[in-house]
């Protein structure tokens, strides 16, 4: 069985031969890995270092998929006019630059403080006039199919990252407090913005599916670690149907595409809704507020799980032995028969000891073969 076949069988709960895994490092640990490998590494290690000297940690650790995305925009829009008194150190948000959301450097490591271009908007007409990203332009998608096919030829699954799908982009643009108030007090404004974003996402989902991607990553953080940050009825009223339409568009185009939904915190109140609208994979299954083994028992015939290893608890504060013990428990109790991609629940931040990263990877490889 190939790596890609095993990965997809795991996600389809179809008795894979081993448990696939994922891990994402923050820039601090990417640099740490680069130093460990050496900028002029030889032999097998050299294949993990790009021509520019940076490290491909997915290659290094043997992760069975790669992300794909559209080509960069050719537009050069000055979004500064949407901000009052823009700080001199402001810059486009580094991990989602297309929407005109700016940020300033945070006080810790790679973190950023977000700024919101629609914070001062008061009329629907201002939304209509805003320069939304040009994902509808064919030039941005012209090479995607070739990229996907090349990955498949190299025994890698293709994963399209379209998280922050609707709600999160809305509040990135508007500001969280403002948009939560809009959802209750100014429904016309809120729905205009949500519809605009959803229309863009529908086109993107169709194009990703048409290019042949294996997994479409969707998601919005709509929960805290205590409960939903909005009432489930409000989520169902404003967000469920729009997310369902995006999923439907992807599956109409490519019926076997797998739909991944990311939602931090405790979203147990809407798990049945997510299954109903076509979600196949739940991420990150935060152990600080949700119990993966219980969720496997309750929903394991309908839902796969990607995550389960806590980045607020075991990864930063446990010993390597603790990490290995938890990995083994998840493999035995959640991975049986498939339905598990084992992963830390978020990016590995600087507070995680390198020894725990190595313990995670080695434990998956040691215990994850059936």
Protein backbone atom coordinates (compact mmCIF):
# COMPACT_ATOMS: atom_id res chain seq x y z
CA UNK A 1 0.00 0.00 0.00
CA UNK A 2 1.38 3.42 -0.92
CA UNK A 3 1.63 6.36 1.50
CA UNK A 4 -1.16 8.25 -0.25
CA UNK A 5 -3.44 5.21 -0.36
CA UNK A 6 -2.86 4.54 3.34
CA UNK A 7 -3.51 8.20 4.23
CA UNK A 8 -6.81 8.23 2.34
CA UNK A 9 -7.86 4.85 3.73
CA UNK A 10 -7.26 6.15 7.24
CA UNK A 11 -9.47 9.17 6.58
CA UNK A 12 -12.16 6.95 5.05
CA UNK A 13 -12.03 4.58 8.04
CA UNK A 14 -11.06 1.73 5.77
CA UNK A 15 -8.47 -0.25 7.75
CA UNK A 16 -5.17 1.43 6.89
CA UNK A 17 -1.95 -0.46 7.53
CA UNK A 18 -0.45 2.30 9.65
CA UNK A 19 -1.51 5.53 11.35
CA UNK A 20 -0.58 8.61 9.30
CA UNK A 21 0.54 11.72 11.12
CA UNK A 22 1.00 15.43 10.68
CA UNK A 23 3.11 18.03 12.45
CA UNK A 24 3.57 21.77 11.85
CA UNK A 25 6.46 23.73 13.31
CA UNK A 26 6.52 27.44 14.12
CA UNK A 27 9.38 29.51 12.64
CA UNK A 28 11.45 29.06 15.81
CA UNK A 29 11.43 25.30 15.46
CA UNK A 30 11.83 25.43 11.68
CA UNK A 31 15.06 27.29 12.36
CA UNK A 32 15.92 24.78 15.06
CA UNK A 33 15.49 21.95 12.56
CA UNK A 34 17.56 23.79 9.98
CA UNK A 35 20.41 24.09 12.48
CA UNK A 36 20.15 20.43 13.40
CA UNK A 37 20.30 19.35 9.77
CA UNK A 38 22.90 21.91 8.81
CA UNK A 39 22.68 24.36 5.92
CA UNK A 40 25.12 22.13 4.02
CA UNK A 41 23.81 18.77 5.17
CA UNK A 42 24.89 15.71 3.22
CA UNK A 43 23.24 12.43 2.33
CA UNK A 44 19.61 11.88 3.32
CA UNK A 45 19.50 15.04 5.41
CA UNK A 46 20.43 17.17 2.40
CA UNK A 47 17.20 16.23 0.64
CA UNK A 48 15.29 18.03 3.39
CA UNK A 49 16.98 21.37 2.70
CA UNK A 50 15.78 23.51 -0.20
CA UNK A 51 18.03 25.37 -2.63
CA UNK A 52 17.43 28.52 -0.59
CA UNK A 53 18.70 26.82 2.55
CA UNK A 54 15.32 26.49 4.26
CA UNK A 55 14.03 23.23 5.68
CA UNK A 56 10.99 21.36 4.46
CA UNK A 57 9.87 19.86 7.76
CA UNK A 58 7.04 17.92 6.08
CA UNK A 59 9.66 16.11 4.00
CA UNK A 60 11.96 15.63 6.97
CA UNK A 61 9.32 14.01 9.14
CA UNK A 62 7.67 12.02 6.35
CA UNK A 63 4.23 13.64 6.39
CA UNK A 64 2.17 11.98 3.62
CA UNK A 65 0.60 15.09 2.07
CA UNK A 66 1.41 18.57 0.85
CA UNK A 67 -0.67 21.74 0.76
CA UNK A 68 -1.68 23.29 -2.56
CA UNK A 69 -2.89 26.80 -3.20
CA UNK A 70 -3.65 29.19 -6.06
CA UNK A 71 -0.96 31.37 -7.57
CA UNK A 72 -0.35 34.79 -5.98
CA UNK A 73 -2.46 37.70 -7.07
CA UNK A 74 -1.21 40.12 -9.71
CA UNK A 75 -3.21 42.94 -8.16
CA UNK A 76 -1.47 45.64 -6.16
CA UNK A 77 -4.18 47.16 -4.00
CA UNK A 78 -3.43 49.84 -1.45
CA UNK A 79 -5.54 48.81 1.53
CA UNK A 80 -4.06 51.48 3.79
CA UNK A 81 -6.94 53.84 3.02
CA UNK A 82 -9.23 51.50 4.98
CA UNK A 83 -7.28 52.12 8.19
CA UNK A 84 -7.11 55.20 10.37
CA UNK A 85 -3.61 56.05 11.56
CA UNK A 86 -2.02 52.87 10.23
CA UNK A 87 1.12 52.11 12.28
CA UNK A 88 4.40 52.45 10.41
CA UNK A 89 5.25 48.81 11.11
CA UNK A 90 1.93 47.48 9.77
CA UNK A 91 2.07 44.85 7.06
CA UNK A 92 -0.34 42.45 5.30
CA UNK A 93 -1.23 39.56 7.57
CA UNK A 94 1.56 37.10 6.81
CA UNK A 95 -0.52 33.91 6.75
CA UNK A 96 -3.57 35.23 4.93
CA UNK A 97 -2.53 38.27 2.85
CA UNK A 98 -5.22 38.37 0.14
CA UNK A 99 -8.07 40.02 2.05
CA UNK A 100 -6.47 43.36 2.93
CA UNK A 101 -6.11 42.47 6.61
CA UNK A 102 -3.02 44.07 8.11
CA UNK A 103 -1.12 43.25 11.27
CA UNK A 104 1.66 44.55 13.45
CA UNK A 105 4.29 42.34 15.09
CA UNK A 106 3.21 40.88 18.40
CA UNK A 107 5.28 40.78 21.57
CA UNK A 108 6.08 37.05 21.44
CA UNK A 109 7.90 35.08 18.74
CA UNK A 110 6.05 35.04 15.38
CA UNK A 111 2.66 36.19 16.69
CA UNK A 112 0.89 39.13 15.09
CA UNK A 113 -1.71 41.62 16.29
CA UNK A 114 -4.47 41.84 13.70
CA UNK A 115 -5.90 45.10 12.33
CA UNK A 116 -9.32 45.27 10.68
CA UNK A 117 -10.01 47.21 7.46
CA UNK A 118 -13.81 47.23 7.91
CA UNK A 119 -13.76 48.24 11.56
CA UNK A 120 -15.23 51.68 10.80
CA UNK A 121 -17.76 50.55 8.17
CA UNK A 122 -21.35 51.53 8.87
CA UNK A 123 -23.18 50.78 5.60
CA UNK A 124 -23.71 47.79 3.34
CA UNK A 125 -22.56 49.90 0.41
CA UNK A 126 -19.06 50.01 1.90
CA UNK A 127 -18.90 46.22 1.80
CA UNK A 128 -20.03 46.23 -1.83
CA UNK A 129 -17.26 48.67 -2.76
CA UNK A 130 -14.46 46.83 -0.93
CA UNK A 131 -11.75 45.20 -3.13
CA UNK A 132 -12.18 41.53 -2.25
CA UNK A 133 -9.51 39.06 -3.48
CA UNK A 134 -9.52 37.98 -7.11
CA UNK A 135 -9.83 34.24 -6.57
CA UNK A 136 -12.33 34.19 -9.45
CA UNK A 137 -9.57 34.93 -11.97
CA UNK A 138 -8.44 31.93 -14.01
CA UNK A 139 -4.75 32.88 -13.97
CA UNK A 140 -4.60 32.05 -10.26
CA UNK A 141 -5.65 28.46 -10.90
CA UNK A 142 -3.95 27.63 -14.19
CA UNK A 143 -1.20 25.41 -12.71
CA UNK A 144 -3.09 23.82 -9.80
CA UNK A 145 -4.12 20.65 -11.63
CA UNK A 146 -0.50 20.03 -12.67
CA UNK A 147 0.65 20.52 -9.09
CA UNK A 148 -1.92 18.06 -7.77
CA UNK A 149 -1.03 15.44 -10.37
CA UNK A 150 2.68 15.84 -9.61
CA UNK A 151 2.04 15.23 -5.91
CA UNK A 152 0.00 12.13 -6.68
CA UNK A 153 2.75 10.84 -8.97
CA UNK A 154 5.16 11.26 -6.06
CA UNK A 155 2.85 9.30 -3.71
CA UNK A 156 1.69 12.37 -1.80
CA UNK A 157 -1.88 13.38 -1.06
CA UNK A 158 -2.97 16.89 -1.98
CA UNK A 159 -4.62 19.09 0.65
CA UNK A 160 -6.22 22.47 -0.04
CA UNK A 161 -6.14 24.88 2.90
CA UNK A 162 -9.31 26.97 3.01
CA UNK A 163 -9.72 27.33 6.75
CA UNK A 164 -10.97 30.60 8.22
CA UNK A 165 -13.69 29.86 5.71
CA UNK A 166 -16.54 32.27 6.49
CA UNK A 167 -16.94 33.50 10.07
CA UNK A 168 -13.26 34.01 10.76
CA UNK A 169 -12.64 35.98 7.58
CA UNK A 170 -15.67 38.11 8.42
CA UNK A 171 -14.32 39.07 11.81
CA UNK A 172 -10.77 39.47 10.49
CA UNK A 173 -12.20 42.14 8.22
CA UNK A 174 -14.60 43.69 10.70
CA UNK A 175 -13.09 42.96 14.13
CA UNK A 176 -14.48 40.23 16.35
CA UNK A 177 -16.47 42.42 18.76
CA UNK A 178 -17.96 44.40 15.89
CA UNK A 179 -18.95 41.33 13.89
CA UNK A 180 -20.47 39.44 16.81
CA UNK A 181 -22.62 42.52 17.47
CA UNK A 182 -23.48 42.71 13.76
CA UNK A 183 -24.74 39.12 13.84
CA UNK A 184 -27.36 40.12 16.41
CA UNK A 185 -27.98 43.84 15.91
CA UNK A 186 -27.40 44.44 12.18
CA UNK A 187 -28.31 41.28 10.30
CA UNK A 188 -28.40 42.97 6.90
CA UNK A 189 -24.80 44.11 7.29
CA UNK A 190 -23.67 40.75 8.70
CA UNK A 191 -25.40 38.70 6.00
CA UNK A 192 -24.11 40.91 3.20
CA UNK A 193 -20.55 40.32 4.37
CA UNK A 194 -21.12 36.59 4.93
CA UNK A 195 -22.69 36.21 1.48
CA UNK A 196 -19.81 38.01 -0.18
CA UNK A 197 -17.27 35.75 1.50
CA UNK A 198 -19.34 32.62 0.83
CA UNK A 199 -19.60 33.45 -2.87
CA UNK A 200 -15.81 33.63 -3.09
CA UNK A 201 -15.41 30.40 -1.16
CA UNK A 202 -17.91 28.59 -3.41
CA UNK A 203 -15.79 29.39 -6.44
CA UNK A 204 -12.61 28.34 -4.67
CA UNK A 205 -14.12 25.03 -3.50
CA UNK A 206 -15.21 24.23 -7.05
CA UNK A 207 -11.77 25.03 -8.47
CA UNK A 208 -9.92 23.01 -5.83
CA UNK A 209 -12.20 20.03 -6.43
CA UNK A 210 -11.88 20.31 -10.21
CA UNK A 211 -8.09 20.23 -9.83
CA UNK A 212 -8.39 16.87 -8.09
CA UNK A 213 -7.38 17.67 -4.51
CA UNK A 214 -7.86 14.84 -2.03
CA UNK A 215 -8.81 16.87 1.06
CA UNK A 216 -10.46 20.28 1.31
CA UNK A 217 -9.68 21.93 4.64
CA UNK A 218 -12.50 24.16 5.86
CA UNK A 219 -13.20 25.54 9.29
CA UNK A 220 -14.05 28.42 11.56
CA UNK A 221 -13.25 28.78 15.23
CA UNK A 222 -16.73 29.26 16.67
CA UNK A 223 -16.01 27.84 20.15
CA UNK A 224 -14.06 28.65 23.26
CA UNK A 225 -12.67 25.88 25.44
CA UNK A 226 -15.77 26.18 27.63
CA UNK A 227 -18.56 26.28 25.04
CA UNK A 228 -19.65 27.81 21.75
CA UNK A 229 -18.85 31.51 21.45
CA UNK A 230 -22.29 32.03 19.92
CA UNK A 231 -25.50 30.11 20.53
CA UNK A 232 -25.90 26.97 18.39
CA UNK A 233 -29.19 28.37 16.97
CA UNK A 234 -27.37 31.51 15.82
CA UNK A 235 -24.61 29.39 14.25
CA UNK A 236 -27.24 27.29 12.47
CA UNK A 237 -29.06 30.39 11.29
CA UNK A 238 -26.09 32.29 9.86
CA UNK A 239 -23.24 29.86 9.24
CA UNK A 240 -24.41 26.26 8.87
CA UNK A 241 -26.26 26.69 5.57
CA UNK A 242 -23.47 28.71 4.00
CA UNK A 243 -20.88 26.10 5.00
CA UNK A 244 -23.18 23.37 3.69
CA UNK A 245 -23.33 25.10 0.29
CA UNK A 246 -19.54 25.21 0.05
CA UNK A 247 -19.27 21.52 0.91
CA UNK A 248 -22.00 20.65 -1.57
CA UNK A 249 -20.23 22.56 -4.33
CA UNK A 250 -16.97 20.68 -3.69
CA UNK A 251 -18.68 17.27 -3.58
CA UNK A 252 -20.76 17.97 -6.69
CA UNK A 253 -17.51 18.64 -8.53
CA UNK A 254 -15.52 15.75 -7.03
CA UNK A 255 -17.75 13.29 -5.14
CA UNK A 256 -14.89 11.53 -3.36
CA UNK A 257 -13.25 14.69 -2.01
CA UNK A 258 -12.81 14.54 1.76
CA UNK A 259 -14.05 17.51 3.79
CA UNK A 260 -11.99 18.48 6.81
CA UNK A 261 -13.40 20.92 9.39
CA UNK A 262 -11.14 22.76 11.82
CA UNK A 263 -12.67 24.21 14.95
CA UNK A 264 -10.69 24.93 18.10
CA UNK A 265 -12.36 24.57 21.47
CA UNK A 266 -15.44 22.63 22.51
CA UNK A 267 -17.82 22.41 19.55
CA UNK A 268 -19.60 19.23 20.62
CA UNK A 269 -22.94 21.05 20.39
CA UNK A 270 -22.65 21.21 16.59
CA UNK A 271 -20.84 17.95 15.73
CA UNK A 272 -24.09 16.32 14.55
CA UNK A 273 -24.70 19.37 12.34
CA UNK A 274 -21.22 19.10 10.83
CA UNK A 275 -21.79 15.44 10.00
CA UNK A 276 -25.17 16.33 8.50
CA UNK A 277 -23.69 18.88 6.09
CA UNK A 278 -20.98 16.54 4.85
CA UNK A 279 -17.93 16.96 7.08
CA UNK A 280 -15.74 13.83 6.99
CA UNK A 281 -12.88 14.84 9.31
CA UNK A 282 -12.88 16.81 12.57
CA UNK A 283 -9.81 18.77 13.69
CA UNK A 284 -8.11 19.42 16.09
CA UNK A 285 -10.08 17.53 18.80
CA UNK A 286 -8.53 19.53 21.64
CA UNK A 287 -7.98 17.23 24.62
CA UNK A 288 -8.15 20.19 27.00
CA UNK A 289 -11.89 20.35 26.33
CA UNK A 290 -12.95 17.29 24.27
CA UNK A 291 -12.24 13.61 24.86
CA UNK A 292 -11.16 11.90 21.66
CA UNK A 293 -11.85 8.36 22.84
CA UNK A 294 -15.44 9.26 23.77
CA UNK A 295 -15.94 11.02 20.43
CA UNK A 296 -14.61 7.97 18.61
CA UNK A 297 -17.17 5.78 20.38
CA UNK A 298 -20.00 8.21 19.63
CA UNK A 299 -19.19 9.32 16.08
CA UNK A 300 -16.45 6.99 14.83
CA UNK A 301 -18.66 5.38 12.22
CA UNK A 302 -19.32 8.75 10.57
CA UNK A 303 -16.35 10.94 11.38
CA UNK A 304 -12.55 10.74 11.32
CA UNK A 305 -10.30 12.68 13.67
CA UNK A 306 -7.14 14.66 12.90
CA UNK A 307 -5.22 15.88 15.93
CA UNK A 308 -5.85 14.78 19.56
CA UNK A 309 -2.36 15.54 21.00
CA UNK A 310 -2.54 18.63 23.21
CA UNK A 311 -0.30 21.61 22.51
CA UNK A 312 -1.34 23.32 25.76
CA UNK A 313 -0.62 20.30 27.94
CA UNK A 314 1.36 17.22 26.94
CA UNK A 315 3.54 18.65 24.16
CA UNK A 316 4.95 21.63 26.12
CA UNK A 317 4.74 20.32 29.69
CA UNK A 318 4.94 16.52 29.48
CA UNK A 319 8.05 14.41 29.36
CA UNK A 320 9.03 12.47 26.23
CA UNK A 321 7.60 9.45 28.02
CA UNK A 322 4.29 11.24 28.52
CA UNK A 323 4.17 12.10 24.82
CA UNK A 324 4.86 8.50 23.80
CA UNK A 325 2.25 7.16 26.23
CA UNK A 326 -0.44 9.50 24.90
CA UNK A 327 0.43 8.72 21.29
CA UNK A 328 0.09 4.99 21.99
CA UNK A 329 -3.26 5.53 23.75
CA UNK A 330 -4.67 7.47 20.80
CA UNK A 331 -3.47 4.86 18.31
CA UNK A 332 -5.04 2.03 20.29
CA UNK A 333 -8.32 3.73 21.22
CA UNK A 334 -8.99 6.17 18.37
CA UNK A 335 -7.05 4.75 15.43
CA UNK A 336 -8.50 1.25 15.41
CA UNK A 337 -9.95 0.48 11.97
CA UNK A 338 -8.88 3.89 10.69
CA UNK A 339 -10.31 7.31 11.29
CA UNK A 340 -7.20 8.94 12.78
CA UNK A 341 -4.47 11.24 11.54
CA UNK A 342 -2.39 11.75 14.64
CA UNK A 343 -1.18 15.29 15.13
CA UNK A 344 -0.54 17.96 17.72
CA UNK A 345 -3.65 20.10 17.90
CA UNK A 346 -1.91 23.26 16.71
CA UNK A 347 1.42 24.59 15.50
CA UNK A 348 4.35 23.47 17.65
CA UNK A 349 5.34 26.68 19.45
CA UNK A 350 8.70 27.61 21.05
CA UNK A 351 7.67 26.31 24.49
CA UNK A 352 7.65 22.71 23.24
CA UNK A 353 10.98 20.94 23.94
CA UNK A 354 12.62 19.46 20.87
CA UNK A 355 12.81 16.12 22.66
CA UNK A 356 9.01 16.01 22.77
CA UNK A 357 8.79 16.63 19.03
CA UNK A 358 11.14 13.71 18.42
CA UNK A 359 9.19 11.59 20.92
CA UNK A 360 5.94 12.27 19.07
CA UNK A 361 7.32 11.22 15.69
CA UNK A 362 9.17 8.18 16.98
CA UNK A 363 6.13 6.97 18.95
CA UNK A 364 3.83 7.18 15.92
CA UNK A 365 6.28 5.17 13.86
CA UNK A 366 6.83 2.65 16.67
CA UNK A 367 3.24 2.03 17.68
CA UNK A 368 1.28 3.04 14.59
CA UNK A 369 1.71 -0.06 12.41
CA UNK A 370 -1.18 -2.53 12.50
